[in-house]
Amino acid sequence: MSPEMLLYSTQDNPVPEGAVCGLVTASDGVKLRFARWRPENGECRGTVCVFPGRTEKIEKYFETVRDLRRRHFAVAVLDWRGQGGSQRLLSNPMKGHVGHFEEYQRDLEAFLTQAVVPELPGPCFALAHSMGAAILLDHARRGGHAFERLFLVAPMLDLSLLKHDVAARRLARFLSRLGLSRAYVPTRRMKPLHEVHFDGNRLTSDRARFARNLTINMEQPQLDVGPPTIGWVKAAFDLMEELADPATARAIRQPLMMVAAGADRIVSTPSIEHLGTRLIAGAHVVIPGARHELLQERDVFREPLLAAFDAFIPGSAPP
């Protein structure tokens, strides 16, 4: 069996029982890894599709898979192109790259038509994080109706980690026009995994979950991905500008809930709040004090997130 067809356990993060793992093929030929599960017992309230953020992989969401299955949902998770167990797009597999975020819409279509709709029961809901949430917003903006409802966690509408946002956008576009789109974005030296420490991280305040996710990368480095390319950054800026356009809020008729982290230092919480006030069929909530990776956060933050999910997704109830 090829590596793309496997799921990987660690001591603190075993593969949930009953997993089916495989590959689907996007319309441009890119191979994408997915995994799916039936509910823990015979009762089924539908299917929740989980869409990770940039650099993330299916293994990082095993705990979330268990949470959803205990709520009597079938679950399917996708590795976006260029990360996790999906096909890498450049000769250097550590470069996170796409030329345009529309490419991710091809991933979404292939995942749904080949791995989800023929195999798992409806209704279908989406649970997406960060970059994945931005891709799902783009799907809704384009008129997509694949999901009954969208539950979007810390969607990437703008970035908090850039101090000079306008200058960064201009630079990314200028360097892309010079033919440097496949080069790494200028950044500090990428730390080896053994030099990555909990203290000072921007992602989660949960030490145990941080260590669990780091262990996945250390034991299965082929699933990891490094900094984005200049082309990825340009494409991300292009999408974020489209999502900020007032026409986007008017175009989205899909029922959705956005949950923002009050102490997010990766994406912009004010941008999420701004969009949330303008959506026709959407709402938003902010969890004070939480960091970016809400599904990887301490229970004091994670529990209100799951409570919001239970309140918004029809048929969901705490286990």
C-alpha atoms as a PDB file:
ATOM      1  CA  MET A   1       0.000   0.000   0.000  1.00  0.00           C
ATOM      2  CA  SER A   2       1.381   3.409  -0.953  1.00  0.00           C
ATOM      3  CA  PRO A   3       2.099   5.967   1.808  1.00  0.00           C
ATOM      4  CA  GLU A   4      -0.765   8.160   0.557  1.00  0.00           C
ATOM      5  CA  MET A   5      -3.215   5.347   1.370  1.00  0.00           C
ATOM      6  CA  LEU A   6      -2.205   5.143   5.030  1.00  0.00           C
ATOM      7  CA  LEU A   7      -3.139   6.925   8.220  1.00  0.00           C
ATOM      8  CA  TYR A   8      -0.499   7.209  10.923  1.00  0.00           C
ATOM      9  CA  SER A   9      -0.855   6.701  14.665  1.00  0.00           C
ATOM     10  CA  THR A  10       1.304   8.011  17.473  1.00  0.00           C
ATOM     11  CA  GLN A  11       1.178   6.875  21.079  1.00  0.00           C
ATOM     12  CA  ASP A  12      -1.100   9.759  22.096  1.00  0.00           C
ATOM     13  CA  ASN A  13      -2.988   9.960  18.795  1.00  0.00           C
ATOM     14  CA  PRO A  14      -4.240   6.580  17.547  1.00  0.00           C
ATOM     15  CA  VAL A  15      -6.213   6.266  14.330  1.00  0.00           C
ATOM     16  CA  PRO A  16      -9.955   6.114  15.178  1.00  0.00           C
ATOM     17  CA  GLU A  17     -11.359   2.656  14.534  1.00  0.00           C
ATOM     18  CA  GLY A  18     -13.157   1.923  11.293  1.00  0.00           C
ATOM     19  CA  ALA A  19     -11.176   4.299   9.094  1.00  0.00           C
ATOM     20  CA  VAL A  20     -11.294   4.065   5.316  1.00  0.00           C
ATOM     21  CA  CYS A  21      -8.404   5.897   3.673  1.00  0.00           C
ATOM     22  CA  GLY A  22      -7.825   6.424  -0.015  1.00  0.00           C
ATOM     23  CA  LEU A  23      -7.116   8.763  -2.899  1.00  0.00           C
ATOM     24  CA  VAL A  24      -9.313  10.840  -5.171  1.00  0.00           C
ATOM     25  CA  THR A  25      -8.156  12.611  -8.317  1.00  0.00           C
ATOM     26  CA  ALA A  26      -8.873  16.285  -8.995  1.00  0.00           C
ATOM     27  CA  SER A  27      -9.857  17.463 -12.470  1.00  0.00           C
ATOM     28  CA  ASP A  28      -6.255  18.560 -13.137  1.00  0.00           C
ATOM     29  CA  GLY A  29      -4.860  15.147 -12.164  1.00  0.00           C
ATOM     30  CA  VAL A  30      -3.664  15.956  -8.625  1.00  0.00           C
ATOM     31  CA  LYS A  31      -3.996  13.019  -6.203  1.00  0.00           C
ATOM     32  CA  LEU A  32      -5.606  13.827  -2.858  1.00  0.00           C
ATOM     33  CA  ARG A  33      -5.658  11.743   0.302  1.00  0.00           C
ATOM     34  CA  PHE A  34      -8.908  11.435   2.245  1.00  0.00           C
ATOM     35  CA  ALA A  35     -10.219   9.448   5.186  1.00  0.00           C
ATOM     36  CA  ARG A  36     -13.762   8.676   6.263  1.00  0.00           C
ATOM     37  CA  TRP A  37     -15.577   7.039   9.153  1.00  0.00           C
ATOM     38  CA  ARG A  38     -19.084   5.838   9.936  1.00  0.00           C
ATOM     39  CA  PRO A  39     -20.655   6.890  13.256  1.00  0.00           C
ATOM     40  CA  GLU A  40     -19.745   4.936  16.384  1.00  0.00           C
ATOM     41  CA  ASN A  41     -23.116   3.170  16.384  1.00  0.00           C
ATOM     42  CA  GLY A  42     -25.934   2.565  13.927  1.00  0.00           C
ATOM     43  CA  GLU A  43     -27.659   5.916  14.386  1.00  0.00           C
ATOM     44  CA  CYS A  44     -26.521   8.554  11.878  1.00  0.00           C
ATOM     45  CA  ARG A  45     -27.487  12.228  11.742  1.00  0.00           C
ATOM     46  CA  GLY A  46     -25.606  12.982   8.541  1.00  0.00           C
ATOM     47  CA  THR A  47     -22.011  13.594   7.502  1.00  0.00           C
ATOM     48  CA  VAL A  48     -19.560  16.252   8.641  1.00  0.00           C
ATOM     49  CA  CYS A  49     -16.730  17.022   6.223  1.00  0.00           C
ATOM     50  CA  VAL A  50     -13.640  18.392   7.959  1.00  0.00           C
ATOM     51  CA  PHE A  51     -11.346  20.773   6.056  1.00  0.00           C
ATOM     52  CA  PRO A  52      -7.994  21.541   7.714  1.00  0.00           C
ATOM     53  CA  GLY A  53      -5.940  24.713   7.483  1.00  0.00           C
ATOM     54  CA  ARG A  54      -2.595  25.307   5.776  1.00  0.00           C
ATOM     55  CA  THR A  55       0.142  22.793   6.742  1.00  0.00           C
ATOM     56  CA  GLU A  56      -2.375  20.574   8.548  1.00  0.00           C
ATOM     57  CA  LYS A  57      -3.081  16.923   7.912  1.00  0.00           C
ATOM     58  CA  ILE A  58      -5.813  14.371   8.617  1.00  0.00           C
ATOM     59  CA  GLU A  59      -3.929  12.972  11.623  1.00  0.00           C
ATOM     60  CA  LYS A  60      -4.199  16.299  13.444  1.00  0.00           C
ATOM     61  CA  TYR A  61      -7.999  15.915  13.505  1.00  0.00           C
ATOM     62  CA  PHE A  62      -8.340  12.419  14.967  1.00  0.00           C
ATOM     63  CA  GLU A  63      -9.661  13.893  18.239  1.00  0.00           C
ATOM     64  CA  THR A  64     -12.209  15.944  16.322  1.00  0.00           C
ATOM     65  CA  VAL A  65     -13.242  12.847  14.353  1.00  0.00           C
ATOM     66  CA  ARG A  66     -14.005  11.105  17.662  1.00  0.00           C
ATOM     67  CA  ASP A  67     -15.979  14.099  18.902  1.00  0.00           C
ATOM     68  CA  LEU A  68     -18.130  14.078  15.764  1.00  0.00           C
ATOM     69  CA  ARG A  69     -18.681  10.326  15.669  1.00  0.00           C
ATOM     70  CA  ARG A  70     -19.843  10.398  19.296  1.00  0.00           C
ATOM     71  CA  ARG A  71     -22.418  12.917  18.104  1.00  0.00           C
ATOM     72  CA  HIS A  72     -23.680  10.270  15.641  1.00  0.00           C
ATOM     73  CA  PHE A  73     -22.185  11.798  12.503  1.00  0.00           C
ATOM     74  CA  ALA A  74     -20.247  10.126   9.740  1.00  0.00           C
ATOM     75  CA  VAL A  75     -17.002  12.028   9.162  1.00  0.00           C
ATOM     76  CA  ALA A  76     -14.774  12.643   6.134  1.00  0.00           C
ATOM     77  CA  VAL A  77     -11.494  14.586   6.175  1.00  0.00           C
ATOM     78  CA  LEU A  78      -9.451  15.870   3.225  1.00  0.00           C
ATOM     79  CA  ASP A  79      -5.761  16.653   2.816  1.00  0.00           C
ATOM     80  CA  TRP A  80      -5.554  19.678   0.504  1.00  0.00           C
ATOM     81  CA  ARG A  81      -3.116  19.493  -2.418  1.00  0.00           C
ATOM     82  CA  GLY A  82       0.479  20.114  -1.439  1.00  0.00           C
ATOM     83  CA  GLN A  83       0.193  18.995   2.179  1.00  0.00           C
ATOM     84  CA  GLY A  84      -0.433  15.972   4.367  1.00  0.00           C
ATOM     85  CA  GLY A  85      -0.606  12.764   2.356  1.00  0.00           C
ATOM     86  CA  SER A  86      -1.772  14.473  -0.838  1.00  0.00           C
ATOM     87  CA  GLN A  87       0.354  15.040  -3.914  1.00  0.00           C
ATOM     88  CA  ARG A  88       2.993  17.760  -3.619  1.00  0.00           C
ATOM     89  CA  LEU A  89       3.106  20.258  -6.467  1.00  0.00           C
ATOM     90  CA  LEU A  90       6.814  21.150  -6.613  1.00  0.00           C
ATOM     91  CA  SER A  91      10.047  19.162  -6.673  1.00  0.00           C
ATOM     92  CA  ASN A  92      10.724  20.370  -3.132  1.00  0.00           C
ATOM     93  CA  PRO A  93       7.856  18.707  -1.203  1.00  0.00           C
ATOM     94  CA  MET A  94       8.251  21.085   1.729  1.00  0.00           C
ATOM     95  CA  LYS A  95       7.152  24.111  -0.293  1.00  0.00           C
ATOM     96  CA  GLY A  96       3.504  24.991   0.238  1.00  0.00           C
ATOM     97  CA  HIS A  97       2.380  26.199  -3.175  1.00  0.00           C
ATOM     98  CA  VAL A  98      -0.619  26.895  -5.388  1.00  0.00           C
ATOM     99  CA  GLY A  99      -0.877  29.319  -8.274  1.00  0.00           C
ATOM    100  CA  HIS A 100      -4.463  30.313  -7.475  1.00  0.00           C
ATOM    101  CA  PHE A 101      -6.884  29.361  -4.705  1.00  0.00           C
ATOM    102  CA  GLU A 102      -9.333  28.188  -7.363  1.00  0.00           C
ATOM    103  CA  GLU A 103      -7.187  25.044  -7.453  1.00  0.00           C
ATOM    104  CA  TYR A 104      -8.536  24.139  -4.014  1.00  0.00           C
ATOM    105  CA  GLN A 105     -12.070  24.218  -5.430  1.00  0.00           C
ATOM    106  CA  ARG A 106     -11.004  21.314  -7.655  1.00  0.00           C
ATOM    107  CA  ASP A 107      -9.907  19.442  -4.523  1.00  0.00           C
ATOM    108  CA  LEU A 108     -13.260  20.123  -2.884  1.00  0.00           C
ATOM    109  CA  GLU A 109     -15.219  18.910  -5.909  1.00  0.00           C
ATOM    110  CA  ALA A 110     -13.188  15.705  -6.245  1.00  0.00           C
ATOM    111  CA  PHE A 111     -13.465  14.928  -2.535  1.00  0.00           C
ATOM    112  CA  LEU A 112     -17.230  15.383  -2.499  1.00  0.00           C
ATOM    113  CA  THR A 113     -18.065  13.596  -5.751  1.00  0.00           C
ATOM    114  CA  GLN A 114     -15.667  10.669  -5.338  1.00  0.00           C
ATOM    115  CA  ALA A 115     -15.299  10.052  -1.587  1.00  0.00           C
ATOM    116  CA  VAL A 116     -18.280  11.580   0.230  1.00  0.00           C
ATOM    117  CA  VAL A 117     -21.577  11.718  -1.693  1.00  0.00           C
ATOM    118  CA  PRO A 118     -21.475   8.130  -3.075  1.00  0.00           C
ATOM    119  CA  GLU A 119     -20.425   6.614   0.260  1.00  0.00           C
ATOM    120  CA  LEU A 120     -21.785   8.589   3.226  1.00  0.00           C
ATOM    121  CA  PRO A 121     -25.327   9.581   4.235  1.00  0.00           C
ATOM    122  CA  GLY A 122     -26.758  13.083   4.063  1.00  0.00           C
ATOM    123  CA  PRO A 123     -27.382  15.739   5.063  1.00  0.00           C
ATOM    124  CA  CYS A 124     -23.834  17.030   4.631  1.00  0.00           C
ATOM    125  CA  PHE A 125     -22.222  19.725   6.801  1.00  0.00           C
ATOM    126  CA  ALA A 126     -18.808  21.387   6.688  1.00  0.00           C
ATOM    127  CA  LEU A 127     -16.412  22.018   9.570  1.00  0.00           C
ATOM    128  CA  ALA A 128     -13.430  24.014   8.313  1.00  0.00           C
ATOM    129  CA  HIS A 129     -10.458  25.766   9.896  1.00  0.00           C
ATOM    130  CA  SER A 130      -8.433  28.827   8.825  1.00  0.00           C
ATOM    131  CA  MET A 131      -7.371  28.370   5.181  1.00  0.00           C
ATOM    132  CA  GLY A 132      -9.938  25.587   4.837  1.00  0.00           C
ATOM    133  CA  ALA A 133     -12.637  27.954   6.095  1.00  0.00           C
ATOM    134  CA  ALA A 134     -11.615  30.599   3.538  1.00  0.00           C
ATOM    135  CA  ILE A 135     -11.869  27.984   0.777  1.00  0.00           C
ATOM    136  CA  LEU A 136     -15.367  27.048   1.953  1.00  0.00           C
ATOM    137  CA  LEU A 137     -16.385  30.717   1.992  1.00  0.00           C
ATOM    138  CA  ASP A 138     -15.109  30.966  -1.576  1.00  0.00           C
ATOM    139  CA  HIS A 139     -17.204  27.893  -2.435  1.00  0.00           C
ATOM    140  CA  ALA A 140     -20.305  29.601  -1.012  1.00  0.00           C
ATOM    141  CA  ARG A 141     -19.438  32.886  -2.752  1.00  0.00           C
ATOM    142  CA  ARG A 142     -19.347  31.028  -6.064  1.00  0.00           C
ATOM    143  CA  GLY A 143     -22.865  29.727  -5.463  1.00  0.00           C
ATOM    144  CA  GLY A 144     -21.926  26.277  -4.164  1.00  0.00           C
ATOM    145  CA  HIS A 145     -24.606  24.421  -2.218  1.00  0.00           C
ATOM    146  CA  ALA A 146     -22.832  21.185  -1.379  1.00  0.00           C
ATOM    147  CA  PHE A 147     -23.469  21.608   2.352  1.00  0.00           C
ATOM    148  CA  GLU A 148     -26.575  22.236   4.422  1.00  0.00           C
ATOM    149  CA  ARG A 149     -24.561  24.456   6.772  1.00  0.00           C
ATOM    150  CA  LEU A 150     -20.977  25.680   7.172  1.00  0.00           C
ATOM    151  CA  PHE A 151     -19.232  25.880  10.559  1.00  0.00           C
ATOM    152  CA  LEU A 152     -16.074  27.927  10.033  1.00  0.00           C
ATOM    153  CA  VAL A 153     -13.358  28.154  12.685  1.00  0.00           C
ATOM    154  CA  ALA A 154     -10.995  31.158  12.577  1.00  0.00           C
ATOM    155  CA  PRO A 155     -11.474  31.687   8.824  1.00  0.00           C
ATOM    156  CA  MET A 156      -8.521  33.245   7.012  1.00  0.00           C
ATOM    157  CA  LEU A 157     -10.081  36.559   5.946  1.00  0.00           C
ATOM    158  CA  ASP A 158      -6.992  38.630   6.713  1.00  0.00           C
ATOM    159  CA  LEU A 159      -3.687  38.054   8.461  1.00  0.00           C
ATOM    160  CA  SER A 160      -2.629  39.316  11.880  1.00  0.00           C
ATOM    161  CA  LEU A 161       0.960  38.138  11.674  1.00  0.00           C
ATOM    162  CA  LEU A 162       1.946  40.734   9.052  1.00  0.00           C
ATOM    163  CA  LYS A 163       2.713  44.206  10.383  1.00  0.00           C
ATOM    164  CA  HIS A 164       2.872  45.794   6.925  1.00  0.00           C
ATOM    165  CA  ASP A 165      -0.001  44.119   5.111  1.00  0.00           C
ATOM    166  CA  VAL A 166      -0.264  46.471   2.111  1.00  0.00           C
ATOM    167  CA  ALA A 167       3.475  46.372   1.456  1.00  0.00           C
ATOM    168  CA  ALA A 168       3.475  42.566   1.690  1.00  0.00           C
ATOM    169  CA  ARG A 169       0.673  42.299  -0.861  1.00  0.00           C
ATOM    170  CA  ARG A 170       2.490  44.556  -3.295  1.00  0.00           C
ATOM    171  CA  LEU A 171       5.765  42.711  -2.820  1.00  0.00           C
ATOM    172  CA  ALA A 172       4.177  39.281  -3.365  1.00  0.00           C
ATOM    173  CA  ARG A 173       2.593  40.446  -6.612  1.00  0.00           C
ATOM    174  CA  PHE A 174       5.750  42.146  -7.811  1.00  0.00           C
ATOM    175  CA  LEU A 175       7.926  39.081  -7.129  1.00  0.00           C
ATOM    176  CA  SER A 176       5.375  36.805  -8.796  1.00  0.00           C
ATOM    177  CA  ARG A 177       5.512  38.949 -11.943  1.00  0.00           C
ATOM    178  CA  LEU A 178       9.304  38.520 -11.884  1.00  0.00           C
ATOM    179  CA  GLY A 179       8.832  34.751 -12.097  1.00  0.00           C
ATOM    180  CA  LEU A 180       9.620  34.004  -8.441  1.00  0.00           C
ATOM    181  CA  SER A 181       6.229  32.571  -7.505  1.00  0.00           C
ATOM    182  CA  ARG A 182       7.724  29.169  -6.651  1.00  0.00           C
ATOM    183  CA  ALA A 183      10.378  30.564  -4.325  1.00  0.00           C
ATOM    184  CA  TYR A 184       9.905  30.461  -0.575  1.00  0.00           C
ATOM    185  CA  VAL A 185       8.432  33.633   0.856  1.00  0.00           C
ATOM    186  CA  PRO A 186      11.245  35.567   2.590  1.00  0.00           C
ATOM    187  CA  THR A 187      11.138  34.554   6.238  1.00  0.00           C
ATOM    188  CA  ARG A 188      13.277  33.653   9.175  1.00  0.00           C
ATOM    189  CA  ARG A 189      15.174  30.369   9.149  1.00  0.00           C
ATOM    190  CA  MET A 190      12.803  27.448   9.417  1.00  0.00           C
ATOM    191  CA  LYS A 191      13.478  25.752  12.754  1.00  0.00           C
ATOM    192  CA  PRO A 192      14.176  22.018  12.826  1.00  0.00           C
ATOM    193  CA  LEU A 193      11.389  20.207  14.629  1.00  0.00           C
ATOM    194  CA  HIS A 194      13.586  19.454  17.650  1.00  0.00           C
ATOM    195  CA  GLU A 195      14.006  23.215  18.140  1.00  0.00           C
ATOM    196  CA  VAL A 196      10.257  23.930  18.107  1.00  0.00           C
ATOM    197  CA  HIS A 197       8.970  24.631  21.627  1.00  0.00           C
ATOM    198  CA  PHE A 198       5.597  25.287  23.213  1.00  0.00           C
ATOM    199  CA  ASP A 199       6.587  28.565  24.847  1.00  0.00           C
ATOM    200  CA  GLY A 200       5.900  31.490  22.547  1.00  0.00           C
ATOM    201  CA  ASN A 201       3.829  29.520  20.025  1.00  0.00           C
ATOM    202  CA  ARG A 202       0.898  31.368  18.436  1.00  0.00           C
ATOM    203  CA  LEU A 203      -1.315  28.380  17.791  1.00  0.00           C
ATOM    204  CA  THR A 204      -2.602  26.948  21.075  1.00  0.00           C
ATOM    205  CA  SER A 205      -2.344  27.379  24.834  1.00  0.00           C
ATOM    206  CA  ASP A 206      -2.763  23.625  25.347  1.00  0.00           C
ATOM    207  CA  ARG A 207       0.642  22.116  26.065  1.00  0.00           C
ATOM    208  CA  ALA A 208      -0.467  18.494  25.653  1.00  0.00           C
ATOM    209  CA  ARG A 209      -2.195  19.014  22.313  1.00  0.00           C
ATOM    210  CA  PHE A 210       0.748  21.083  21.061  1.00  0.00           C
ATOM    211  CA  ALA A 211       3.097  18.210  21.953  1.00  0.00           C
ATOM    212  CA  ARG A 212       0.774  15.677  20.315  1.00  0.00           C
ATOM    213  CA  ASN A 213       0.756  17.595  17.033  1.00  0.00           C
ATOM    214  CA  LEU A 214       4.511  18.136  17.108  1.00  0.00           C
ATOM    215  CA  THR A 215       5.009  14.404  17.611  1.00  0.00           C
ATOM    216  CA  ILE A 216       3.001  13.687  14.449  1.00  0.00           C
ATOM    217  CA  ASN A 217       5.406  15.873  12.451  1.00  0.00           C
ATOM    218  CA  MET A 218       8.489  14.380  14.101  1.00  0.00           C
ATOM    219  CA  GLU A 219       7.426  10.768  13.546  1.00  0.00           C
ATOM    220  CA  GLN A 220       5.951  11.314  10.064  1.00  0.00           C
ATOM    221  CA  PRO A 221       7.929  14.231   8.554  1.00  0.00           C
ATOM    222  CA  GLN A 222       6.670  13.398   5.047  1.00  0.00           C
ATOM    223  CA  LEU A 223       3.253  14.780   6.110  1.00  0.00           C
ATOM    224  CA  ASP A 224       4.686  18.158   7.090  1.00  0.00           C
ATOM    225  CA  VAL A 225       5.049  21.237   4.912  1.00  0.00           C
ATOM    226  CA  GLY A 226       7.234  24.312   5.325  1.00  0.00           C
ATOM    227  CA  PRO A 227       6.676  28.013   4.686  1.00  0.00           C
ATOM    228  CA  PRO A 228       4.491  29.044   1.754  1.00  0.00           C
ATOM    229  CA  THR A 229       5.829  30.119  -1.592  1.00  0.00           C
ATOM    230  CA  ILE A 230       5.514  33.665  -2.875  1.00  0.00           C
ATOM    231  CA  GLY A 231       2.865  32.386  -5.293  1.00  0.00           C
ATOM    232  CA  TRP A 232       0.796  30.898  -2.457  1.00  0.00           C
ATOM    233  CA  VAL A 233       0.958  34.176  -0.543  1.00  0.00           C
ATOM    234  CA  LYS A 234      -0.106  36.162  -3.608  1.00  0.00           C
ATOM    235  CA  ALA A 235      -2.988  33.756  -4.216  1.00  0.00           C
ATOM    236  CA  ALA A 236      -4.045  34.025  -0.561  1.00  0.00           C
ATOM    237  CA  PHE A 237      -4.026  37.824  -0.725  1.00  0.00           C
ATOM    238  CA  ASP A 238      -6.097  37.692  -3.920  1.00  0.00           C
ATOM    239  CA  LEU A 239      -8.721  35.496  -2.259  1.00  0.00           C
ATOM    240  CA  MET A 240      -8.821  37.567   0.928  1.00  0.00           C
ATOM    241  CA  GLU A 241      -9.457  40.707  -1.134  1.00  0.00           C
ATOM    242  CA  GLU A 242     -12.309  38.971  -2.953  1.00  0.00           C
ATOM    243  CA  LEU A 243     -13.837  37.836   0.343  1.00  0.00           C
ATOM    244  CA  ALA A 244     -13.547  41.404   1.716  1.00  0.00           C
ATOM    245  CA  ASP A 245     -15.504  42.809  -1.223  1.00  0.00           C
ATOM    246  CA  PRO A 246     -18.991  43.899  -0.030  1.00  0.00           C
ATOM    247  CA  ALA A 247     -20.470  41.891  -2.900  1.00  0.00           C
ATOM    248  CA  THR A 248     -19.260  38.684  -1.219  1.00  0.00           C
ATOM    249  CA  ALA A 249     -21.485  39.130   1.836  1.00  0.00           C
ATOM    250  CA  ARG A 250     -24.472  39.752  -0.437  1.00  0.00           C
ATOM    251  CA  ALA A 251     -23.671  36.722  -2.602  1.00  0.00           C
ATOM    252  CA  ILE A 252     -23.406  34.191   0.233  1.00  0.00           C
ATOM    253  CA  ARG A 253     -26.842  32.745   0.997  1.00  0.00           C
ATOM    254  CA  GLN A 254     -25.512  29.618   2.675  1.00  0.00           C
ATOM    255  CA  PRO A 255     -26.334  29.319   6.399  1.00  0.00           C
ATOM    256  CA  LEU A 256     -23.012  29.581   8.194  1.00  0.00           C
ATOM    257  CA  MET A 257     -21.475  30.214  11.587  1.00  0.00           C
ATOM    258  CA  MET A 258     -18.006  31.702  12.033  1.00  0.00           C
ATOM    259  CA  VAL A 259     -16.160  31.253  15.333  1.00  0.00           C
ATOM    260  CA  ALA A 260     -13.189  33.532  15.969  1.00  0.00           C
ATOM    261  CA  ALA A 261     -10.435  33.288  18.575  1.00  0.00           C
ATOM    262  CA  GLY A 262     -10.124  36.349  20.780  1.00  0.00           C
ATOM    263  CA  ALA A 263      -6.324  36.058  21.092  1.00  0.00           C
ATOM    264  CA  ASP A 264      -5.669  35.022  17.487  1.00  0.00           C
ATOM    265  CA  ARG A 265      -2.248  36.169  16.257  1.00  0.00           C
ATOM    266  CA  ILE A 266      -2.475  34.394  12.890  1.00  0.00           C
ATOM    267  CA  VAL A 267      -5.701  35.616  11.267  1.00  0.00           C
ATOM    268  CA  SER A 268      -7.641  38.811  11.893  1.00  0.00           C
ATOM    269  CA  THR A 269     -10.517  38.477  14.344  1.00  0.00           C
ATOM    270  CA  PRO A 270     -11.847  41.994  13.531  1.00  0.00           C
ATOM    271  CA  SER A 271     -12.162  40.950   9.862  1.00  0.00           C
ATOM    272  CA  ILE A 272     -14.250  37.941  10.899  1.00  0.00           C
ATOM    273  CA  GLU A 273     -16.470  40.146  13.043  1.00  0.00           C
ATOM    274  CA  HIS A 274     -16.869  42.633  10.197  1.00  0.00           C
ATOM    275  CA  LEU A 275     -17.973  39.982   7.709  1.00  0.00           C
ATOM    276  CA  GLY A 276     -20.202  38.347  10.319  1.00  0.00           C
ATOM    277  CA  THR A 277     -22.246  41.507  10.745  1.00  0.00           C
ATOM    278  CA  ARG A 278     -22.947  41.722   6.998  1.00  0.00           C
ATOM    279  CA  LEU A 279     -23.903  38.152   6.145  1.00  0.00           C
ATOM    280  CA  ILE A 280     -27.495  37.501   5.126  1.00  0.00           C
ATOM    281  CA  ALA A 281     -27.754  33.985   6.565  1.00  0.00           C
ATOM    282  CA  GLY A 282     -24.677  33.915   8.770  1.00  0.00           C
ATOM    283  CA  ALA A 283     -23.547  34.753  12.266  1.00  0.00           C
ATOM    284  CA  HIS A 284     -20.340  34.865  14.251  1.00  0.00           C
ATOM    285  CA  VAL A 285     -19.108  34.455  17.792  1.00  0.00           C
ATOM    286  CA  VAL A 286     -15.749  35.240  19.429  1.00  0.00           C
ATOM    287  CA  ILE A 287     -14.252  33.020  22.127  1.00  0.00           C
ATOM    288  CA  PRO A 288     -12.220  35.403  24.345  1.00  0.00           C
ATOM    289  CA  GLY A 289      -8.654  34.426  25.177  1.00  0.00           C
ATOM    290  CA  ALA A 290      -8.428  31.558  22.699  1.00  0.00           C
ATOM    291  CA  ARG A 291      -5.605  31.207  20.189  1.00  0.00           C
ATOM    292  CA  HIS A 292      -5.841  30.403  16.495  1.00  0.00           C
ATOM    293  CA  GLU A 293      -6.199  26.617  16.543  1.00  0.00           C
ATOM    294  CA  LEU A 294      -9.471  26.428  18.453  1.00  0.00           C
ATOM    295  CA  LEU A 295      -9.933  22.710  17.828  1.00  0.00           C
ATOM    296  CA  GLN A 296      -6.462  22.131  19.307  1.00  0.00           C
ATOM    297  CA  GLU A 297      -6.995  24.463  22.256  1.00  0.00           C
ATOM    298  CA  ARG A 298      -7.530  23.827  25.982  1.00  0.00           C
ATOM    299  CA  ASP A 299     -10.910  22.429  26.962  1.00  0.00           C
ATOM    300  CA  VAL A 300     -11.933  25.769  28.494  1.00  0.00           C
ATOM    301  CA  PHE A 301     -11.904  27.153  24.928  1.00  0.00           C
ATOM    302  CA  ARG A 302     -12.679  23.983  23.018  1.00  0.00           C
ATOM    303  CA  GLU A 303     -15.874  23.189  24.898  1.00  0.00           C
ATOM    304  CA  PRO A 304     -17.672  26.452  23.985  1.00  0.00           C
ATOM    305  CA  LEU A 305     -16.583  25.889  20.382  1.00  0.00           C
ATOM    306  CA  LEU A 306     -18.216  22.452  20.365  1.00  0.00           C
ATOM    307  CA  ALA A 307     -21.263  23.892  22.133  1.00  0.00           C
ATOM    308  CA  ALA A 308     -21.604  26.416  19.300  1.00  0.00           C
ATOM    309  CA  PHE A 309     -21.332  23.556  16.818  1.00  0.00           C
ATOM    310  CA  ASP A 310     -24.054  21.604  18.619  1.00  0.00           C
ATOM    311  CA  ALA A 311     -26.335  24.635  18.641  1.00  0.00           C
ATOM    312  CA  PHE A 312     -25.836  25.410  14.946  1.00  0.00           C
ATOM    313  CA  ILE A 313     -25.722  21.993  13.240  1.00  0.00           C
ATOM    314  CA  PRO A 314     -29.170  20.340  13.067  1.00  0.00           C
ATOM    315  CA  GLY A 315     -29.307  17.016  14.858  1.00  0.00           C
ATOM    316  CA  SER A 316     -26.087  17.557  16.779  1.00  0.00           C
ATOM    317  CA  ALA A 317     -26.091  16.987  20.497  1.00  0.00           C
ATOM    318  CA  PRO A 318     -23.331  16.627  23.102  1.00  0.00           C
ATOM    319  CA  PRO A 319     -22.289  12.984  23.516  1.00  0.00           C
END
